[in-house]
Protein backbone atom coordinates (compact mmCIF):
# COMPACT_ATOMS: atom_id res chain seq x y z
CA MET A 1 57.42 67.43 19.21
CA ILE A 2 53.94 68.93 19.18
CA LEU A 3 51.23 68.70 16.58
CA TYR A 4 48.70 71.52 16.53
CA THR A 5 44.98 70.84 16.71
CA ARG A 6 43.16 73.77 15.12
CA PRO A 7 40.69 75.51 17.44
CA THR A 8 37.07 74.95 16.52
CA SER A 9 35.79 78.08 18.26
CA VAL A 10 36.94 80.49 15.55
CA ASN A 11 36.60 80.57 11.80
CA CYS A 12 39.75 79.90 9.79
CA SER A 13 40.68 80.36 6.16
CA HIS A 14 43.91 79.12 4.62
CA GLY A 15 45.39 78.59 8.05
CA ARG A 16 44.69 82.12 9.28
CA PHE A 17 42.28 83.37 11.90
CA LEU A 18 39.65 85.75 10.55
CA LEU A 19 39.85 88.33 13.32
CA THR A 20 39.73 92.09 13.49
CA THR A 21 43.35 93.20 13.96
CA GLU A 22 43.01 96.96 14.38
CA GLY A 23 44.59 97.80 17.71
CA GLY A 24 45.00 94.10 18.34
CA LEU A 25 47.72 92.28 20.23
CA VAL A 26 49.31 88.85 20.13
CA ILE A 27 50.96 87.00 22.99
CA GLY A 28 53.89 84.67 22.55
CA ILE A 29 54.90 82.32 25.36
CA ASP A 30 58.16 80.37 25.40
CA ALA A 31 58.54 77.85 28.21
CA GLY A 32 61.48 75.55 28.84
CA GLY A 33 63.02 73.72 31.73
CA SER A 34 64.50 76.81 33.40
CA HIS A 35 62.42 79.80 32.34
CA THR A 36 59.02 80.83 31.03
CA ARG A 37 58.75 84.06 29.05
CA ALA A 38 55.66 85.88 27.86
CA LEU A 39 55.70 88.69 25.31
CA VAL A 40 52.73 90.89 24.37
CA ALA A 41 53.15 92.68 21.04
CA GLY A 42 51.17 94.81 18.65
CA THR A 43 50.63 93.97 15.00
CA ASP A 44 53.44 96.39 14.15
CA GLY A 45 55.90 94.33 16.18
CA GLN A 46 56.18 96.78 19.05
CA ARG A 47 56.44 95.24 22.49
CA VAL A 48 53.60 96.14 24.83
CA GLY A 49 54.44 93.92 27.80
CA ALA A 50 56.88 91.21 28.81
CA ALA A 51 57.54 89.06 31.85
CA SER A 52 59.23 85.86 32.93
CA ALA A 53 58.62 83.10 35.45
CA ALA A 54 60.07 79.76 36.48
CA GLY A 55 60.38 76.87 34.05
CA ALA A 56 57.26 75.20 32.64
CA ASN A 57 58.44 72.01 30.95
CA PRO A 58 55.88 69.50 32.27
CA VAL A 59 58.34 66.62 31.96
CA VAL A 60 60.63 68.41 34.39
CA HIS A 61 58.18 70.21 36.66
CA GLY A 62 54.87 68.40 36.27
CA TRP A 63 51.74 69.67 34.54
CA ASP A 64 50.34 71.72 37.42
CA GLN A 65 53.59 73.58 38.08
CA ALA A 66 54.00 74.20 34.35
CA LEU A 67 50.58 75.87 34.20
CA THR A 68 51.37 77.89 37.32
CA SER A 69 54.52 79.27 35.67
CA VAL A 70 52.69 80.06 32.43
CA SER A 71 49.94 81.80 34.38
CA GLY A 72 52.46 83.85 36.37
CA ALA A 73 54.33 85.04 33.27
CA LEU A 74 51.09 85.79 31.44
CA ARG A 75 49.59 87.74 34.34
CA ALA A 76 52.74 89.84 34.80
CA ALA A 77 53.11 90.55 31.07
CA LEU A 78 49.53 91.87 30.93
CA VAL A 79 49.94 94.41 33.73
CA GLY A 80 48.71 97.73 32.36
CA VAL A 81 47.44 96.10 29.16
CA ASP A 82 43.79 95.75 28.16
CA PRO A 83 43.52 91.96 27.74
CA ASN A 84 40.45 92.37 25.52
CA ARG A 85 42.79 93.63 22.79
CA VAL A 86 44.48 90.22 22.61
CA ARG A 87 43.59 88.50 19.34
CA LEU A 88 45.68 85.34 19.65
CA LEU A 89 47.88 83.57 22.19
CA VAL A 90 50.69 81.32 20.96
CA PRO A 91 52.24 79.03 23.60
CA ALA A 92 55.45 77.19 22.77
CA ILE A 93 56.14 74.83 25.66
CA ALA A 94 58.95 72.29 25.71
CA GLY A 95 58.08 68.76 26.70
CA ILE A 96 54.54 68.73 25.27
CA ALA A 97 53.75 65.51 23.41
CA ALA A 98 51.38 65.52 20.44
CA LYS A 99 48.76 63.69 22.46
CA ASP A 100 48.71 66.54 24.99
CA ALA A 101 48.21 69.38 22.47
CA SER A 102 44.45 69.56 22.98
CA ARG A 103 44.87 69.47 26.74
CA LEU A 104 47.39 72.31 26.59
CA GLN A 105 45.08 74.35 24.41
CA ALA A 106 42.14 73.88 26.78
CA ASP A 107 44.17 74.60 29.90
CA VAL A 108 45.71 77.78 28.48
CA ARG A 109 42.25 78.95 27.47
CA SER A 110 41.19 78.39 31.07
CA LEU A 111 44.11 80.49 32.26
CA CYS A 112 42.97 83.30 29.98
CA HIS A 113 39.44 83.10 31.36
CA ALA A 114 40.83 83.23 34.89
CA LEU A 115 42.63 86.44 33.94
CA GLY A 116 39.44 87.94 32.60
CA PHE A 117 39.66 87.57 28.84
CA ALA A 118 39.12 85.08 26.05
CA CYS A 119 41.03 84.54 22.81
CA PRO A 120 41.99 81.71 20.48
CA VAL A 121 45.01 79.64 21.54
CA TYR A 122 47.40 78.36 18.86
CA PRO A 123 50.02 75.98 20.34
CA VAL A 124 53.27 75.54 18.42
CA SER A 125 56.46 73.57 18.92
CA ASP A 126 59.17 75.20 20.98
CA LEU A 127 61.45 74.55 17.99
CA GLU A 128 59.15 76.49 15.67
CA ALA A 129 59.20 79.41 18.09
CA ALA A 130 62.97 79.20 18.52
CA PHE A 131 63.49 79.23 14.76
CA ALA A 132 61.13 82.19 14.30
CA GLY A 133 62.97 83.97 17.09
CA GLY A 134 66.07 84.03 14.91
CA THR A 135 64.80 84.60 11.38
CA ALA A 136 61.79 85.68 9.34
CA SER A 137 62.56 82.83 6.93
CA THR A 138 60.22 79.84 6.94
CA ASN A 139 62.73 77.16 5.97
CA GLY A 140 65.89 75.91 7.65
CA VAL A 141 67.32 74.07 10.62
CA VAL A 142 67.17 74.97 14.29
CA VAL A 143 69.30 73.49 17.05
CA LEU A 144 68.52 74.31 20.66
CA SER A 145 70.68 73.64 23.69
CA GLY A 146 69.55 75.02 27.01
CA THR A 147 68.50 72.91 29.95
CA GLY A 148 67.64 70.27 27.33
CA ALA A 149 68.73 69.82 23.73
CA VAL A 150 66.81 69.24 20.50
CA ALA A 151 67.14 69.99 16.79
CA GLY A 152 64.56 70.27 14.05
CA LEU A 153 63.98 70.77 10.35
CA ILE A 154 61.59 73.62 9.57
CA HIS A 155 59.61 73.75 6.31
CA ASP A 156 57.04 76.46 5.58
CA GLY A 157 57.32 77.51 9.20
CA ARG A 158 56.36 74.10 10.57
CA LEU A 159 58.46 71.47 12.28
CA VAL A 160 58.67 68.47 9.95
CA ARG A 161 61.43 66.45 11.59
CA GLN A 162 62.91 66.39 15.07
CA ILE A 163 66.09 64.90 16.54
CA ASP A 164 66.53 64.32 20.28
CA GLY A 165 64.60 66.39 22.80
CA TYR A 166 63.93 63.10 24.56
CA GLY A 167 64.45 64.43 28.07
CA TRP A 168 67.21 64.11 30.64
CA LEU A 169 66.80 60.36 31.19
CA VAL A 170 67.39 59.11 27.65
CA GLY A 171 68.42 62.12 25.55
CA ASP A 172 69.19 65.84 25.49
CA GLU A 173 72.79 65.24 24.42
CA GLY A 174 74.88 68.40 24.47
CA SER A 175 72.48 70.25 26.76
CA GLY A 176 73.20 72.14 29.96
CA PHE A 177 71.91 69.18 31.93
CA TRP A 178 74.13 66.81 29.94
CA LEU A 179 77.18 68.98 30.63
CA GLY A 180 76.44 69.05 34.35
CA ARG A 181 75.85 65.31 34.53
CA GLU A 182 79.09 64.63 32.67
CA ALA A 183 80.93 66.85 35.15
CA VAL A 184 79.65 64.74 38.04
CA ARG A 185 80.44 61.49 36.22
CA ALA A 186 83.96 62.69 35.44
CA ALA A 187 84.50 63.68 39.08
CA LEU A 188 83.30 60.28 40.29
CA ALA A 189 85.50 58.47 37.78
CA ALA A 190 88.53 60.47 38.91
CA LEU A 191 87.79 59.73 42.56
CA ASP A 192 87.35 55.98 42.19
CA GLY A 193 90.27 55.52 39.80
CA ARG A 194 88.45 54.85 36.54
CA GLY A 195 89.13 58.24 35.03
CA SER A 196 91.80 60.87 34.65
CA ALA A 197 92.56 63.42 37.33
CA THR A 198 90.56 66.59 36.85
CA GLY A 199 89.89 69.84 38.59
CA LEU A 200 86.19 69.06 38.19
CA VAL A 201 86.41 67.03 41.40
CA ALA A 202 87.04 70.11 43.51
CA ASP A 203 84.79 72.32 41.38
CA VAL A 204 81.78 70.02 41.55
CA ALA A 205 82.25 69.33 45.26
CA GLU A 206 82.44 73.06 45.97
CA ALA A 207 79.35 73.80 43.89
CA LEU A 208 77.37 71.11 45.69
CA ASP A 209 78.90 72.02 49.07
CA VAL A 210 80.00 68.45 49.83
CA THR A 211 83.22 66.59 50.57
CA GLN A 212 85.38 65.39 47.71
CA THR A 213 84.28 61.77 48.04
CA PRO A 214 82.06 59.54 45.90
CA ASP A 215 79.64 59.15 48.78
CA GLY A 216 79.40 62.90 49.29
CA LEU A 217 78.75 63.62 45.64
CA VAL A 218 76.27 60.80 45.05
CA THR A 219 74.28 61.47 48.20
CA GLU A 220 73.86 65.15 47.36
CA VAL A 221 72.98 64.53 43.70
CA TYR A 222 70.22 62.06 44.53
CA GLN A 223 68.65 64.35 47.12
CA HIS A 224 67.50 66.80 44.43
CA GLN A 225 65.67 66.87 41.12
CA PRO A 226 67.92 65.51 38.35
CA ILE A 227 67.49 68.68 36.34
CA ARG A 228 69.46 70.55 39.00
CA LEU A 229 72.60 69.18 37.38
CA ALA A 230 72.13 71.75 34.61
CA GLU A 231 73.35 74.34 37.11
CA LEU A 232 76.79 72.71 36.95
CA ALA A 233 77.24 73.41 33.22
CA PRO A 234 79.19 76.67 33.79
CA ILE A 235 81.69 74.72 35.87
CA VAL A 236 82.63 72.66 32.82
CA THR A 237 82.99 75.79 30.70
CA LYS A 238 85.23 77.45 33.29
CA ALA A 239 87.40 74.35 33.73
CA ALA A 240 87.79 73.96 29.97
CA ALA A 241 88.87 77.59 29.65
CA ALA A 242 91.48 76.91 32.33
CA GLY A 243 92.88 74.03 30.25
CA ASP A 244 91.42 71.04 32.12
CA ALA A 245 91.73 68.15 29.64
CA VAL A 246 88.70 66.27 30.95
CA ALA A 247 86.50 69.36 30.78
CA ILE A 248 87.75 70.13 27.28
CA ASP A 249 86.77 66.61 26.19
CA ILE A 250 83.27 67.07 27.65
CA ILE A 251 82.89 70.34 25.76
CA ARG A 252 83.98 68.72 22.50
CA CYS A 253 81.57 65.82 22.99
CA ALA A 254 78.70 68.25 23.61
CA ALA A 255 79.48 70.20 20.44
CA ASP A 256 79.84 66.97 18.45
CA ALA A 257 76.40 65.78 19.62
CA LEU A 258 74.73 69.02 18.54
CA LEU A 259 76.55 69.11 15.20
CA THR A 260 75.65 65.48 14.53
CA ALA A 261 71.99 66.39 14.93
CA VAL A 262 72.30 69.21 12.39
CA SER A 263 74.13 66.94 9.95
CA ALA A 264 71.43 64.29 10.27
CA LEU A 265 68.77 66.86 9.41
CA HIS A 266 70.69 68.38 6.52
CA PRO A 267 73.93 66.55 5.59
CA PRO A 268 76.80 68.87 4.58
CA GLY A 269 77.52 68.77 0.87
CA ARG A 270 73.93 68.75 -0.29
CA SER A 271 73.34 70.79 -3.41
CA ARG A 272 71.28 73.25 -1.42
CA SER A 273 72.19 74.48 2.03
CA PRO A 274 69.40 75.07 4.53
CA THR A 275 67.93 78.53 4.06
CA ARG A 276 68.79 79.41 7.64
CA ILE A 277 70.48 77.72 10.57
CA VAL A 278 69.25 79.09 13.89
CA LEU A 279 70.95 78.43 17.23
CA ALA A 280 68.86 78.76 20.37
CA GLY A 281 69.14 78.11 24.11
CA GLY A 282 71.63 79.45 26.60
CA VAL A 283 74.41 76.99 25.77
CA LEU A 284 74.46 78.15 22.13
CA THR A 285 73.44 81.80 22.31
CA GLY A 286 75.65 82.86 25.21
CA PRO A 287 79.44 83.10 25.17
CA GLY A 288 81.16 79.78 25.71
CA PRO A 289 83.27 77.06 24.11
CA VAL A 290 80.36 74.86 22.98
CA ALA A 291 78.86 77.75 21.03
CA ASP A 292 82.27 78.71 19.64
CA ILE A 293 82.90 75.22 18.27
CA VAL A 294 79.40 74.80 16.87
CA ILE A 295 79.37 78.19 15.14
CA GLU A 296 82.83 77.73 13.64
CA ARG A 297 82.10 74.26 12.28
CA LEU A 298 78.66 75.17 10.94
CA ARG A 299 80.17 78.12 9.10
CA ALA A 300 82.78 75.83 7.56
CA GLN A 301 80.36 73.02 6.68
CA TYR A 302 77.55 75.12 5.22
CA ASP A 303 79.43 78.20 4.05
CA ARG A 304 77.16 80.48 6.06
CA ALA A 305 77.11 81.72 9.60
CA PRO A 306 74.21 80.58 11.78
CA VAL A 307 71.96 83.18 13.34
CA LEU A 308 71.04 83.33 17.01
CA GLY A 309 67.47 82.92 18.20
CA THR A 310 67.61 84.59 21.57
CA ASP A 311 63.90 84.96 22.35
CA GLY A 312 61.43 82.17 21.70
CA ALA A 313 58.57 84.26 23.05
CA ALA A 314 59.20 86.82 20.31
CA GLY A 315 59.32 83.94 17.84
CA ALA A 316 55.98 82.65 19.09
CA ALA A 317 54.52 86.15 18.76
CA TRP A 318 55.85 86.38 15.19
CA ILE A 319 54.11 83.10 14.36
CA GLY A 320 50.95 84.54 15.89
CA LEU A 321 51.16 87.60 13.65
CA GLY A 322 51.30 85.24 10.69
CA ARG A 323 47.97 83.78 11.78
CA ILE A 324 46.11 87.09 11.95
CA LEU A 325 47.78 89.22 9.26
CA GLN A 326 47.71 88.81 5.51
CA HIS A 327 51.30 90.03 5.31
CA ARG A 328 54.18 90.33 7.76
CA ALA A 329 56.98 92.71 6.79
CA PRO A 330 60.59 91.74 7.58
CA SER A 331 60.89 95.07 9.37
CA THR A 332 58.13 93.93 11.73
CA HIS A 333 60.15 90.83 12.60
CA ALA A 334 63.24 92.92 13.21
CA ARG A 335 61.28 95.29 15.44
CA LEU A 336 59.71 92.42 17.36
CA ILE A 337 63.01 90.67 18.00
CA GLN A 338 64.84 93.86 18.92
CA SER A 339 62.08 94.98 21.26
CA ALA A 340 62.26 91.65 23.08
CA ASP A 341 65.97 91.97 23.86
């Protein structure tokens, strides 16, 4: 979770930056464990530039590498764009604690200076950006499952409550990393006799290019960054589709974890359903059994279908437009999201 510290270098009124917007641009940055995306957009929602780079979650990659990825995406997105037209930059970076918000703001400003321009920086939560990437509404629930997993309650466009997002070591249940780790654990349990036989043994061993032995699997896993296990998530999906009982159980457990988070934020049966439920992250926005289960059960529990937030950078840019414009039309949101696809 991230708490925003308002910049002191610009004048603000009612939460908005008093800046000239004619011909102006906003930049939205969405950075997670696997990817960093930057989107440059006009005040009409039209995309002007976009680029991606490696992941920039500082918990996963370290602070310096995170800034390197953000800088790379930002530099590439600005190719052919006059950076002096940029009125506001909105970074949404996973893994940023509240205590690091000011540091992030200062470091991103430094990146801008290094690229030859200066503008206010307005950091937001990655959950706020993910929610805005799926809807123009300002109230609802967002659940994100990509490399990591986290859910949040959004009120007036701000994150007011968060569940999970605690990182690979103690949380991120139902994430891509969690799926990959469970695949390895299931394979080890099958090999040493604690668990049921499963095709995941051969699948995991093949993916890691090791022998089908506990020693082979464990040695390879510990030679790399833990987050690499997220790359094994598709193996679980494929095995479940083929009818592997152990893989099917892992898929169900992942979906249950994500649904439990939503229920904790907004219990089913309340007199008022959340205005919107937004699903984000590759596990939930791409085709696959986890997404299928989550979507079906959310539709049944809340009597409405969730919407997909497929571009957090577009969501961050939409938030930025709300800082510099007196009014944002729904058609602008639609144009911004569509142009980012």
